[in-house]
Amino acid sequence: QLQLVESGGGLVQPGGSLRLSCVASGFTLDYSEIGWFRQAPGKGREGVLCISSRGGITNYADSVKGRFTISRDNARNTVWLQMNSLKPEDTAVYYCYILNSIGATYWGQGTQVTVSS
C-alpha cells in the first residue's frame, strides 16, 4: 500500500530551524517528482519546493528562497525539507507529495509547523 509519512514538525521560535522528513512506502521514488506544499490557517494550499526525478529543483514560493532547501535520497525513499530562519508566516501544515511517472499524485497526512515566540 502506497503511503507517505511526514515528520519533524513542531513549535519553533522565530529564526529557528526545522527539518521535515517524508518517507514513502509501498513504491519507489526513483522516477517521481517529490515536493512540499503548505497550508496556513484560513488560506489555500501553497507550493513550496519540489525536486524532480533527476534532481532539478523548483521553488514555488519566493518567500522561502534562501531559507528552505529540499533534498532526496531515493535509496531511503525519503525527501527532506530543511527550513532555516523561520518566520511566523511560515506557520502552516506542511504536506509532502509525489507525482509519479504516470501522472498520479499522492499526499501525506501533513505535519504542523508553528513559528512563535
PDB file of N, CA and C in Angstrom:
ATOM      1  N   GLN A   1       0.849  -1.177   0.000  1.00  0.00           N
ATOM      2  CA  GLN A   1       0.000   0.000   0.000  1.00  0.00           C
ATOM      3  C   GLN A   1       0.892   1.237   0.000  1.00  0.00           C
ATOM      4  N   LEU A   2       0.586   2.166  -0.929  1.00  0.00           N
ATOM      5  CA  LEU A   2       1.366   3.373  -1.049  1.00  0.00           C
ATOM      6  C   LEU A   2       1.072   4.303   0.117  1.00  0.00           C
ATOM      7  N   GLN A   3       2.129   4.823   0.746  1.00  0.00           N
ATOM      8  CA  GLN A   3       1.945   5.692   1.899  1.00  0.00           C
ATOM      9  C   GLN A   3       3.094   6.686   1.982  1.00  0.00           C
ATOM     10  N   LEU A   4       2.746   7.924   2.345  1.00  0.00           N
ATOM     11  CA  LEU A   4       3.728   8.965   2.619  1.00  0.00           C
ATOM     12  C   LEU A   4       3.541   9.416   4.056  1.00  0.00           C
ATOM     13  N   VAL A   5       4.620   9.435   4.820  1.00  0.00           N
ATOM     14  CA  VAL A   5       4.531   9.824   6.219  1.00  0.00           C
ATOM     15  C   VAL A   5       5.524  10.943   6.493  1.00  0.00           C
ATOM     16  N   GLU A   6       4.971  12.096   6.880  1.00  0.00           N
ATOM     17  CA  GLU A   6       5.810  13.241   7.224  1.00  0.00           C
ATOM     18  C   GLU A   6       6.120  13.236   8.722  1.00  0.00           C
ATOM     19  N   SER A   7       7.229  13.834   9.063  1.00  0.00           N
ATOM     20  CA  SER A   7       7.595  14.030  10.463  1.00  0.00           C
ATOM     21  C   SER A   7       8.548  15.216  10.558  1.00  0.00           C
ATOM     22  N   GLY A   8       8.773  15.652  11.795  1.00  0.00           N
ATOM     23  CA  GLY A   8       9.738  16.721  12.016  1.00  0.00           C
ATOM     24  C   GLY A   8       9.133  18.072  12.317  1.00  0.00           C
ATOM     25  N   GLY A   9       7.817  18.169  12.247  1.00  0.00           N
ATOM     26  CA  GLY A   9       7.185  19.437  12.562  1.00  0.00           C
ATOM     27  C   GLY A   9       7.204  19.705  14.055  1.00  0.00           C
ATOM     28  N   GLY A  10       6.773  20.915  14.418  1.00  0.00           N
ATOM     29  CA  GLY A  10       6.731  21.257  15.822  1.00  0.00           C
ATOM     30  C   GLY A  10       6.687  22.752  16.022  1.00  0.00           C
ATOM     31  N   LEU A  11       6.936  23.153  17.249  1.00  0.00           N
ATOM     32  CA  LEU A  11       6.946  24.567  17.626  1.00  0.00           C
ATOM     33  C   LEU A  11       8.392  25.052  17.667  1.00  0.00           C
ATOM     34  N   VAL A  12       8.650  26.174  17.007  1.00  0.00           N
ATOM     35  CA  VAL A  12       9.995  26.722  16.973  1.00  0.00           C
ATOM     36  C   VAL A  12       9.903  28.237  17.070  1.00  0.00           C
ATOM     37  N   GLN A  13      10.907  28.838  17.660  1.00  0.00           N
ATOM     38  CA  GLN A  13      10.937  30.290  17.769  1.00  0.00           C
ATOM     39  C   GLN A  13      11.349  30.917  16.439  1.00  0.00           C
ATOM     40  N   PRO A  14      10.938  32.150  16.206  1.00  0.00           N
ATOM     41  CA  PRO A  14      11.388  32.849  15.001  1.00  0.00           C
ATOM     42  C   PRO A  14      12.907  32.850  14.908  1.00  0.00           C
ATOM     43  N   GLY A  15      13.394  32.595  13.700  1.00  0.00           N
ATOM     44  CA  GLY A  15      14.830  32.492  13.494  1.00  0.00           C
ATOM     45  C   GLY A  15      15.370  31.082  13.634  1.00  0.00           C
ATOM     46  N   GLY A  16      14.552  30.189  14.131  1.00  0.00           N
ATOM     47  CA  GLY A  16      14.979  28.816  14.328  1.00  0.00           C
ATOM     48  C   GLY A  16      14.900  27.977  13.067  1.00  0.00           C
ATOM     49  N   SER A  17      15.206  26.698  13.228  1.00  0.00           N
ATOM     50  CA  SER A  17      15.237  25.765  12.101  1.00  0.00           C
ATOM     51  C   SER A  17      14.468  24.497  12.430  1.00  0.00           C
ATOM     52  N   LEU A  18      13.966  23.897  11.392  1.00  0.00           N
ATOM     53  CA  LEU A  18      13.347  22.572  11.473  1.00  0.00           C
ATOM     54  C   LEU A  18      13.699  21.809  10.205  1.00  0.00           C
ATOM     55  N   ARG A  19      13.736  20.498  10.339  1.00  0.00           N
ATOM     56  CA  ARG A  19      13.943  19.639   9.181  1.00  0.00           C
ATOM     57  C   ARG A  19      12.801  18.657   9.094  1.00  0.00           C
ATOM     58  N   LEU A  20      12.014  18.782   8.051  1.00  0.00           N
ATOM     59  CA  LEU A  20      10.900  17.873   7.835  1.00  0.00           C
ATOM     60  C   LEU A  20      11.359  16.689   6.995  1.00  0.00           C
ATOM     61  N   SER A  21      10.819  15.538   7.314  1.00  0.00           N
ATOM     62  CA  SER A  21      11.109  14.329   6.557  1.00  0.00           C
ATOM     63  C   SER A  21       9.811  13.760   6.004  1.00  0.00           C
ATOM     64  N   CYS A  22       9.924  13.129   4.868  1.00  0.00           N
ATOM     65  CA  CYS A  22       8.784  12.433   4.267  1.00  0.00           C
ATOM     66  C   CYS A  22       9.300  11.102   3.745  1.00  0.00           C
ATOM     67  N   VAL A  23       8.786  10.048   4.312  1.00  0.00           N
ATOM     68  CA  VAL A  23       9.212   8.700   3.934  1.00  0.00           C
ATOM     69  C   VAL A  23       8.101   8.026   3.157  1.00  0.00           C
ATOM     70  N   ALA A  24       8.458   7.485   2.020  1.00  0.00           N
ATOM     71  CA  ALA A  24       7.500   6.783   1.178  1.00  0.00           C
ATOM     72  C   ALA A  24       7.614   5.285   1.372  1.00  0.00           C
ATOM     73  N   SER A  25       6.494   4.628   1.358  1.00  0.00           N
ATOM     74  CA  SER A  25       6.491   3.172   1.420  1.00  0.00           C
ATOM     75  C   SER A  25       5.484   2.642   0.411  1.00  0.00           C
ATOM     76  N   GLY A  26       5.740   1.461  -0.052  1.00  0.00           N
ATOM     77  CA  GLY A  26       4.829   0.838  -0.999  1.00  0.00           C
ATOM     78  C   GLY A  26       5.156   1.104  -2.449  1.00  0.00           C
ATOM     79  N   PHE A  27       6.167   1.919  -2.713  1.00  0.00           N
ATOM     80  CA  PHE A  27       6.591   2.179  -4.076  1.00  0.00           C
ATOM     81  C   PHE A  27       7.974   2.810  -4.033  1.00  0.00           C
ATOM     82  N   THR A  28       8.603   2.926  -5.182  1.00  0.00           N
ATOM     83  CA  THR A  28       9.911   3.554  -5.255  1.00  0.00           C
ATOM     84  C   THR A  28       9.781   4.985  -5.770  1.00  0.00           C
ATOM     85  N   LEU A  29      10.631   5.849  -5.224  1.00  0.00           N
ATOM     86  CA  LEU A  29      10.599   7.252  -5.618  1.00  0.00           C
ATOM     87  C   LEU A  29      11.428   7.552  -6.857  1.00  0.00           C
ATOM     88  N   ASP A  30      12.128   6.556  -7.358  1.00  0.00           N
ATOM     89  CA  ASP A  30      13.165   6.795  -8.364  1.00  0.00           C
ATOM     90  C   ASP A  30      12.702   7.649  -9.544  1.00  0.00           C
ATOM     91  N   TYR A  31      11.468   7.443  -9.994  1.00  0.00           N
ATOM     92  CA  TYR A  31      11.018   8.116 -11.218  1.00  0.00           C
ATOM     93  C   TYR A  31       9.955   9.166 -10.931  1.00  0.00           C
ATOM     94  N   SER A  32       9.917   9.627  -9.701  1.00  0.00           N
ATOM     95  CA  SER A  32       8.863  10.543  -9.281  1.00  0.00           C
ATOM     96  C   SER A  32       9.401  11.919  -8.953  1.00  0.00           C
ATOM     97  N   GLU A  33       8.566  12.901  -9.198  1.00  0.00           N
ATOM     98  CA  GLU A  33       8.797  14.232  -8.636  1.00  0.00           C
ATOM     99  C   GLU A  33       8.292  14.206  -7.201  1.00  0.00           C
ATOM    100  N   ILE A  34       9.003  14.856  -6.303  1.00  0.00           N
ATOM    101  CA  ILE A  34       8.620  14.897  -4.898  1.00  0.00           C
ATOM    102  C   ILE A  34       8.668  16.349  -4.461  1.00  0.00           C
ATOM    103  N   GLY A  35       7.753  16.709  -3.587  1.00  0.00           N
ATOM    104  CA  GLY A  35       7.788  18.098  -3.160  1.00  0.00           C
ATOM    105  C   GLY A  35       6.992  18.346  -1.905  1.00  0.00           C
ATOM    106  N   TRP A  36       6.924  19.626  -1.578  1.00  0.00           N
ATOM    107  CA  TRP A  36       6.239  20.067  -0.367  1.00  0.00           C
ATOM    108  C   TRP A  36       5.282  21.218  -0.694  1.00  0.00           C
ATOM    109  N   PHE A  37       4.103  21.123  -0.133  1.00  0.00           N
ATOM    110  CA  PHE A  37       3.151  22.204  -0.114  1.00  0.00           C
ATOM    111  C   PHE A  37       2.920  22.565   1.351  1.00  0.00           C
ATOM    112  N   ARG A  38       2.289  23.688   1.557  1.00  0.00           N
ATOM    113  CA  ARG A  38       1.895  24.060   2.911  1.00  0.00           C
ATOM    114  C   ARG A  38       0.561  24.775   2.879  1.00  0.00           C
ATOM    115  N   GLN A  39      -0.135  24.718   4.002  1.00  0.00           N
ATOM    116  CA  GLN A  39      -1.428  25.387   4.120  1.00  0.00           C
ATOM    117  C   GLN A  39      -1.497  26.083   5.468  1.00  0.00           C
ATOM    118  N   ALA A  40      -1.536  27.402   5.407  1.00  0.00           N
ATOM    119  CA  ALA A  40      -1.647  28.204   6.621  1.00  0.00           C
ATOM    120  C   ALA A  40      -3.120  28.316   7.009  1.00  0.00           C
ATOM    121  N   PRO A  41      -3.390  28.616   8.262  1.00  0.00           N
ATOM    122  CA  PRO A  41      -4.783  28.754   8.712  1.00  0.00           C
ATOM    123  C   PRO A  41      -5.546  29.769   7.868  1.00  0.00           C
ATOM    124  N   GLY A  42      -6.685  29.356   7.353  1.00  0.00           N
ATOM    125  CA  GLY A  42      -7.533  30.249   6.590  1.00  0.00           C
ATOM    126  C   GLY A  42      -7.071  30.529   5.182  1.00  0.00           C
ATOM    127  N   LYS A  43      -6.036  29.813   4.728  1.00  0.00           N
ATOM    128  CA  LYS A  43      -5.508  30.050   3.388  1.00  0.00           C
ATOM    129  C   LYS A  43      -5.498  28.764   2.570  1.00  0.00           C
ATOM    130  N   GLY A  44      -5.318  28.919   1.285  1.00  0.00           N
ATOM    131  CA  GLY A  44      -5.245  27.766   0.411  1.00  0.00           C
ATOM    132  C   GLY A  44      -3.885  27.100   0.468  1.00  0.00           C
ATOM    133  N   ARG A  45      -3.803  25.934  -0.158  1.00  0.00           N
ATOM    134  CA  ARG A  45      -2.536  25.213  -0.168  1.00  0.00           C
ATOM    135  C   ARG A  45      -1.562  25.897  -1.125  1.00  0.00           C
ATOM    136  N   GLU A  46      -0.326  26.066  -0.660  1.00  0.00           N
ATOM    137  CA  GLU A  46       0.699  26.790  -1.414  1.00  0.00           C
ATOM    138  C   GLU A  46       1.884  25.875  -1.695  1.00  0.00           C
ATOM    139  N   GLY A  47       2.353  25.880  -2.923  1.00  0.00           N
ATOM    140  CA  GLY A  47       3.541  25.119  -3.238  1.00  0.00           C
ATOM    141  C   GLY A  47       4.768  25.739  -2.607  1.00  0.00           C
ATOM    142  N   VAL A  48       5.690  24.913  -2.150  1.00  0.00           N
ATOM    143  CA  VAL A  48       6.911  25.407  -1.516  1.00  0.00           C
ATOM    144  C   VAL A  48       8.115  25.080  -2.408  1.00  0.00           C
ATOM    145  N   LEU A  49       8.476  23.816  -2.457  1.00  0.00           N
ATOM    146  CA  LEU A  49       9.611  23.370  -3.248  1.00  0.00           C
ATOM    147  C   LEU A  49       9.312  21.986  -3.781  1.00  0.00           C
ATOM    148  N   CYS A  50       9.880  21.656  -4.937  1.00  0.00           N
ATOM    149  CA  CYS A  50       9.816  20.281  -5.409  1.00  0.00           C
ATOM    150  C   CYS A  50      11.149  19.929  -6.055  1.00  0.00           C
ATOM    151  N   ILE A  51      11.382  18.634  -6.159  1.00  0.00           N
ATOM    152  CA  ILE A  51      12.611  18.135  -6.765  1.00  0.00           C
ATOM    153  C   ILE A  51      12.238  17.020  -7.727  1.00  0.00           C
ATOM    154  N   SER A  52      12.738  17.129  -8.934  1.00  0.00           N
ATOM    155  CA  SER A  52      12.387  16.159  -9.962  1.00  0.00           C
ATOM    156  C   SER A  52      13.160  14.859  -9.769  1.00  0.00           C
ATOM    157  N   SER A  53      12.808  13.872 -10.577  1.00  0.00           N
ATOM    158  CA  SER A  53      13.488  12.578 -10.504  1.00  0.00           C
ATOM    159  C   SER A  53      14.969  12.708 -10.857  1.00  0.00           C
ATOM    160  N   ARG A  54      15.327  13.748 -11.604  1.00  0.00           N
ATOM    161  CA  ARG A  54      16.716  13.964 -11.989  1.00  0.00           C
ATOM    162  C   ARG A  54      17.429  14.960 -11.091  1.00  0.00           C
ATOM    163  N   GLY A  55      16.715  15.434 -10.062  1.00  0.00           N
ATOM    164  CA  GLY A  55      17.358  16.325  -9.100  1.00  0.00           C
ATOM    165  C   GLY A  55      17.148  17.802  -9.344  1.00  0.00           C
ATOM    166  N   GLY A  56      16.415  18.151 -10.390  1.00  0.00           N
ATOM    167  CA  GLY A  56      16.124  19.552 -10.628  1.00  0.00           C
ATOM    168  C   GLY A  56      15.149  20.100  -9.603  1.00  0.00           C
ATOM    169  N   ILE A  57      15.429  21.293  -9.105  1.00  0.00           N
ATOM    170  CA  ILE A  57      14.631  21.869  -8.029  1.00  0.00           C
ATOM    171  C   ILE A  57      13.827  23.051  -8.536  1.00  0.00           C
ATOM    172  N   THR A  58      12.560  23.081  -8.156  1.00  0.00           N
ATOM    173  CA  THR A  58      11.676  24.191  -8.476  1.00  0.00           C
ATOM    174  C   THR A  58      11.211  24.836  -7.182  1.00  0.00           C
ATOM    175  N   ASN A  59      11.380  26.134  -7.116  1.00  0.00           N
ATOM    176  CA  ASN A  59      10.931  26.883  -5.949  1.00  0.00           C
ATOM    177  C   ASN A  59       9.630  27.591  -6.310  1.00  0.00           C
ATOM    178  N   TYR A  60       8.556  27.245  -5.621  1.00  0.00           N
ATOM    179  CA  TYR A  60       7.252  27.817  -5.907  1.00  0.00           C
ATOM    180  C   TYR A  60       6.965  29.085  -5.098  1.00  0.00           C
ATOM    181  N   ALA A  61       7.690  29.256  -4.011  1.00  0.00           N
ATOM    182  CA  ALA A  61       7.384  30.343  -3.086  1.00  0.00           C
ATOM    183  C   ALA A  61       8.584  31.260  -2.920  1.00  0.00           C
ATOM    184  N   ASP A  62       8.464  32.481  -3.429  1.00  0.00           N
ATOM    185  CA  ASP A  62       9.559  33.444  -3.285  1.00  0.00           C
ATOM    186  C   ASP A  62       9.904  33.694  -1.819  1.00  0.00           C
ATOM    187  N   SER A  63       8.921  33.570  -0.963  1.00  0.00           N
ATOM    188  CA  SER A  63       9.127  33.880   0.452  1.00  0.00           C
ATOM    189  C   SER A  63      10.093  32.926   1.142  1.00  0.00           C
ATOM    190  N   VAL A  64      10.378  31.777   0.551  1.00  0.00           N
ATOM    191  CA  VAL A  64      11.267  30.816   1.219  1.00  0.00           C
ATOM    192  C   VAL A  64      12.650  30.753   0.566  1.00  0.00           C
ATOM    193  N   LYS A  65      12.853  31.521  -0.498  1.00  0.00           N
ATOM    194  CA  LYS A  65      14.144  31.496  -1.183  1.00  0.00           C
ATOM    195  C   LYS A  65      15.270  31.882  -0.230  1.00  0.00           C
ATOM    196  N   GLY A  66      16.324  31.091  -0.276  1.00  0.00           N
ATOM    197  CA  GLY A  66      17.472  31.348   0.587  1.00  0.00           C
ATOM    198  C   GLY A  66      17.317  30.825   2.000  1.00  0.00           C
ATOM    199  N   ARG A  67      16.115  30.329   2.324  1.00  0.00           N
ATOM    200  CA  ARG A  67      15.891  29.831   3.687  1.00  0.00           C
ATOM    201  C   ARG A  67      15.548  28.338   3.718  1.00  0.00           C
ATOM    202  N   PHE A  68      14.836  27.855   2.725  1.00  0.00           N
ATOM    203  CA  PHE A  68      14.404  26.455   2.673  1.00  0.00           C
ATOM    204  C   PHE A  68      15.167  25.737   1.568  1.00  0.00           C
ATOM    205  N   THR A  69      15.518  24.502   1.831  1.00  0.00           N
ATOM    206  CA  THR A  69      16.117  23.658   0.798  1.00  0.00           C
ATOM    207  C   THR A  69      15.447  22.291   0.814  1.00  0.00           C
ATOM    208  N   ILE A  70      15.457  21.649  -0.336  1.00  0.00           N
ATOM    209  CA  ILE A  70      14.859  20.328  -0.472  1.00  0.00           C
ATOM    210  C   ILE A  70      15.929  19.354  -0.942  1.00  0.00           C
ATOM    211  N   SER A  71      15.837  18.138  -0.454  1.00  0.00           N
ATOM    212  CA  SER A  71      16.773  17.107  -0.887  1.00  0.00           C
ATOM    213  C   SER A  71      16.065  15.762  -0.844  1.00  0.00           C
ATOM    214  N   ARG A  72      16.634  14.802  -1.545  1.00  0.00           N
ATOM    215  CA  ARG A  72      16.024  13.478  -1.601  1.00  0.00           C
ATOM    216  C   ARG A  72      17.098  12.410  -1.580  1.00  0.00           C
ATOM    217  N   ASP A  73      16.709  11.251  -1.107  1.00  0.00           N
ATOM    218  CA  ASP A  73      17.565  10.074  -1.142  1.00  0.00           C
ATOM    219  C   ASP A  73      16.685   8.921  -1.609  1.00  0.00           C
ATOM    220  N   ASN A  74      16.825   8.558  -2.866  1.00  0.00           N
ATOM    221  CA  ASN A  74      15.962   7.511  -3.420  1.00  0.00           C
ATOM    222  C   ASN A  74      16.207   6.166  -2.741  1.00  0.00           C
ATOM    223  N   ALA A  75      17.432   5.917  -2.346  1.00  0.00           N
ATOM    224  CA  ALA A  75      17.727   4.637  -1.694  1.00  0.00           C
ATOM    225  C   ALA A  75      16.982   4.497  -0.380  1.00  0.00           C
ATOM    226  N   ARG A  76      16.714   5.640   0.250  1.00  0.00           N
ATOM    227  CA  ARG A  76      15.989   5.629   1.529  1.00  0.00           C
ATOM    228  C   ARG A  76      14.524   6.014   1.351  1.00  0.00           C
ATOM    229  N   ASN A  77      14.121   6.220   0.087  1.00  0.00           N
ATOM    230  CA  ASN A  77      12.731   6.599  -0.196  1.00  0.00           C
ATOM    231  C   ASN A  77      12.289   7.801   0.644  1.00  0.00           C
ATOM    232  N   THR A  78      13.174   8.765   0.750  1.00  0.00           N
ATOM    233  CA  THR A  78      12.940   9.889   1.668  1.00  0.00           C
ATOM    234  C   THR A  78      13.245  11.219   0.984  1.00  0.00           C
ATOM    235  N   VAL A  79      12.433  12.217   1.335  1.00  0.00           N
ATOM    236  CA  VAL A  79      12.685  13.591   0.926  1.00  0.00           C
ATOM    237  C   VAL A  79      12.660  14.461   2.183  1.00  0.00           C
ATOM    238  N   TRP A  80      13.524  15.460   2.189  1.00  0.00           N
ATOM    239  CA  TRP A  80      13.617  16.337   3.340  1.00  0.00           C
ATOM    240  C   TRP A  80      13.356  17.787   2.928  1.00  0.00           C
ATOM    241  N   LEU A  81      12.840  18.533   3.859  1.00  0.00           N
ATOM    242  CA  LEU A  81      12.709  19.975   3.692  1.00  0.00           C
ATOM    243  C   LEU A  81      13.424  20.624   4.870  1.00  0.00           C
ATOM    244  N   GLN A  82      14.564  21.236   4.587  1.00  0.00           N
ATOM    245  CA  GLN A  82      15.313  21.942   5.614  1.00  0.00           C
ATOM    246  C   GLN A  82      14.840  23.388   5.638  1.00  0.00           C
ATOM    247  N   MET A  83      14.368  23.825   6.788  1.00  0.00           N
ATOM    248  CA  MET A  83      13.810  25.165   6.916  1.00  0.00           C
ATOM    249  C   MET A  83      14.631  25.945   7.936  1.00  0.00           C
ATOM    250  N   ASN A  84      15.257  26.996   7.478  1.00  0.00           N
ATOM    251  CA  ASN A  84      16.076  27.850   8.341  1.00  0.00           C
ATOM    252  C   ASN A  84      15.474  29.251   8.416  1.00  0.00           C
ATOM    253  N   SER A  85      15.934  29.993   9.399  1.00  0.00           N
ATOM    254  CA  SER A  85      15.469  31.377   9.581  1.00  0.00           C
ATOM    255  C   SER A  85      13.955  31.461   9.520  1.00  0.00           C
ATOM    256  N   LEU A  86      13.308  30.611  10.257  1.00  0.00           N
ATOM    257  CA  LEU A  86      11.851  30.524  10.201  1.00  0.00           C
ATOM    258  C   LEU A  86      11.194  31.798  10.703  1.00  0.00           C
ATOM    259  N   LYS A  87      10.079  32.105  10.082  1.00  0.00           N
ATOM    260  CA  LYS A  87       9.297  33.302  10.414  1.00  0.00           C
ATOM    261  C   LYS A  87       7.890  32.889  10.825  1.00  0.00           C
ATOM    262  N   PRO A  88       7.205  33.728  11.585  1.00  0.00           N
ATOM    263  CA  PRO A  88       5.826  33.388  11.971  1.00  0.00           C
ATOM    264  C   PRO A  88       4.938  33.088  10.765  1.00  0.00           C
ATOM    265  N   GLU A  89       5.180  33.744   9.647  1.00  0.00           N
ATOM    266  CA  GLU A  89       4.355  33.494   8.466  1.00  0.00           C
ATOM    267  C   GLU A  89       4.632  32.146   7.807  1.00  0.00           C
ATOM    268  N   ASP A  90       5.628  31.429   8.296  1.00  0.00           N
ATOM    269  CA  ASP A  90       5.858  30.059   7.818  1.00  0.00           C
ATOM    270  C   ASP A  90       4.971  29.053   8.550  1.00  0.00           C
ATOM    271  N   THR A  91       4.250  29.515   9.540  1.00  0.00           N
ATOM    272  CA  THR A  91       3.341  28.638  10.269  1.00  0.00           C
ATOM    273  C   THR A  91       2.298  28.053   9.336  1.00  0.00           C
ATOM    274  N   ALA A  92       2.223  26.730   9.306  1.00  0.00           N
ATOM    275  CA  ALA A  92       1.311  26.045   8.391  1.00  0.00           C
ATOM    276  C   ALA A  92       1.400  24.550   8.641  1.00  0.00           C
ATOM    277  N   VAL A  93       0.478  23.838   8.029  1.00  0.00           N
ATOM    278  CA  VAL A  93       0.613  22.391   7.921  1.00  0.00           C
ATOM    279  C   VAL A  93       1.373  22.120   6.621  1.00  0.00           C
ATOM    280  N   TYR A  94       2.430  21.347   6.737  1.00  0.00           N
ATOM    281  CA  TYR A  94       3.273  21.046   5.586  1.00  0.00           C
ATOM    282  C   TYR A  94       2.978  19.622   5.105  1.00  0.00           C
ATOM    283  N   TYR A  95       2.751  19.522   3.804  1.00  0.00           N
ATOM    284  CA  TYR A  95       2.403  18.249   3.184  1.00  0.00           C
ATOM    285  C   TYR A  95       3.459  17.885   2.141  1.00  0.00           C
ATOM    286  N   CYS A  96       3.864  16.641   2.152  1.00  0.00           N
ATOM    287  CA  CYS A  96       4.691  16.190   1.035  1.00  0.00           C
ATOM    288  C   CYS A  96       3.790  15.487   0.015  1.00  0.00           C
ATOM    289  N   TYR A  97       4.259  15.468  -1.212  1.00  0.00           N
ATOM    290  CA  TYR A  97       3.515  14.802  -2.273  1.00  0.00           C
ATOM    291  C   TYR A  97       4.510  14.139  -3.204  1.00  0.00           C
ATOM    292  N   ILE A  98       4.007  13.189  -3.956  1.00  0.00           N
ATOM    293  CA  ILE A  98       4.778  12.638  -5.055  1.00  0.00           C
ATOM    294  C   ILE A  98       3.908  12.662  -6.307  1.00  0.00           C
ATOM    295  N   LEU A  99       4.549  12.925  -7.401  1.00  0.00           N
ATOM    296  CA  LEU A  99       3.926  12.863  -8.718  1.00  0.00           C
ATOM    297  C   LEU A  99       4.683  11.791  -9.488  1.00  0.00           C
ATOM    298  N   ASN A 100       4.020  10.679  -9.711  1.00  0.00           N
ATOM    299  CA  ASN A 100       4.765   9.561 -10.284  1.00  0.00           C
ATOM    300  C   ASN A 100       4.849   9.642 -11.800  1.00  0.00           C
ATOM    301  N   SER A 101       5.455   8.671 -12.387  1.00  0.00           N
ATOM    302  CA  SER A 101       5.773   8.717 -13.820  1.00  0.00           C
ATOM    303  C   SER A 101       4.540   8.626 -14.710  1.00  0.00           C
ATOM    304  N   ILE A 102       3.403   8.223 -14.152  1.00  0.00           N
ATOM    305  CA  ILE A 102       2.183   8.161 -14.965  1.00  0.00           C
ATOM    306  C   ILE A 102       1.216   9.287 -14.591  1.00  0.00           C
ATOM    307  N   GLY A 103       1.700  10.271 -13.838  1.00  0.00           N
ATOM    308  CA  GLY A 103       0.911  11.457 -13.551  1.00  0.00           C
ATOM    309  C   GLY A 103      -0.002  11.380 -12.370  1.00  0.00           C
ATOM    310  N   ALA A 104       0.111  10.353 -11.551  1.00  0.00           N
ATOM    311  CA  ALA A 104      -0.725  10.251 -10.354  1.00  0.00           C
ATOM    312  C   ALA A 104      -0.043  10.969  -9.197  1.00  0.00           C
ATOM    313  N   THR A 105      -0.839  11.665  -8.408  1.00  0.00           N
ATOM    314  CA  THR A 105      -0.323  12.420  -7.264  1.00  0.00           C
ATOM    315  C   THR A 105      -0.800  11.799  -5.964  1.00  0.00           C
ATOM    316  N   TYR A 106       0.111  11.688  -5.025  1.00  0.00           N
ATOM    317  CA  TYR A 106      -0.208  11.148  -3.707  1.00  0.00           C
ATOM    318  C   TYR A 106       0.282  12.132  -2.656  1.00  0.00           C
ATOM    319  N   TRP A 107      -0.467  12.200  -1.553  1.00  0.00           N
ATOM    320  CA  TRP A 107      -0.184  13.159  -0.493  1.00  0.00           C
ATOM    321  C   TRP A 107       0.029  12.474   0.844  1.00  0.00           C
ATOM    322  N   GLY A 108       0.877  13.091   1.651  1.00  0.00           N
ATOM    323  CA  GLY A 108       0.989  12.661   3.032  1.00  0.00           C
ATOM    324  C   GLY A 108      -0.100  13.292   3.870  1.00  0.00           C
ATOM    325  N   GLN A 109      -0.082  12.977   5.166  1.00  0.00           N
ATOM    326  CA  GLN A 109      -1.143  13.452   6.052  1.00  0.00           C
ATOM    327  C   GLN A 109      -0.862  14.843   6.607  1.00  0.00           C
ATOM    328  N   GLY A 110       0.359  15.317   6.441  1.00  0.00           N
ATOM    329  CA  GLY A 110       0.728  16.651   6.888  1.00  0.00           C
ATOM    330  C   GLY A 110       1.377  16.658   8.256  1.00  0.00           C
ATOM    331  N   THR A 111       2.216  17.662   8.468  1.00  0.00           N
ATOM    332  CA  THR A 111       2.843  17.867   9.766  1.00  0.00           C
ATOM    333  C   THR A 111       2.793  19.358  10.094  1.00  0.00           C
ATOM    334  N   GLN A 112       2.429  19.665  11.326  1.00  0.00           N
ATOM    335  CA  GLN A 112       2.229  21.048  11.729  1.00  0.00           C
ATOM    336  C   GLN A 112       3.556  21.712  12.062  1.00  0.00           C
ATOM    337  N   VAL A 113       3.760  22.891  11.511  1.00  0.00           N
ATOM    338  CA  VAL A 113       4.898  23.731  11.860  1.00  0.00           C
ATOM    339  C   VAL A 113       4.352  25.038  12.418  1.00  0.00           C
ATOM    340  N   THR A 114       4.767  25.366  13.629  1.00  0.00           N
ATOM    341  CA  THR A 114       4.334  26.600  14.264  1.00  0.00           C
ATOM    342  C   THR A 114       5.563  27.411  14.650  1.00  0.00           C
ATOM    343  N   VAL A 115       5.622  28.636  14.151  1.00  0.00           N
ATOM    344  CA  VAL A 115       6.742  29.522  14.445  1.00  0.00           C
ATOM    345  C   VAL A 115       6.212  30.647  15.316  1.00  0.00           C
ATOM    346  N   SER A 116       6.634  30.635  16.562  1.00  0.00           N
ATOM    347  CA  SER A 116       6.095  31.602  17.517  1.00  0.00           C
ATOM    348  C   SER A 116       7.054  31.755  18.687  1.00  0.00           C
ATOM    349  N   SER A 117       7.072  32.951  19.240  1.00  0.00           N
ATOM    350  CA  SER A 117       7.876  33.175  20.434  1.00  0.00           C
ATOM    351  C   SER A 117       7.030  32.994  21.690  1.00  0.00           C
TER     352      SER A 117
END
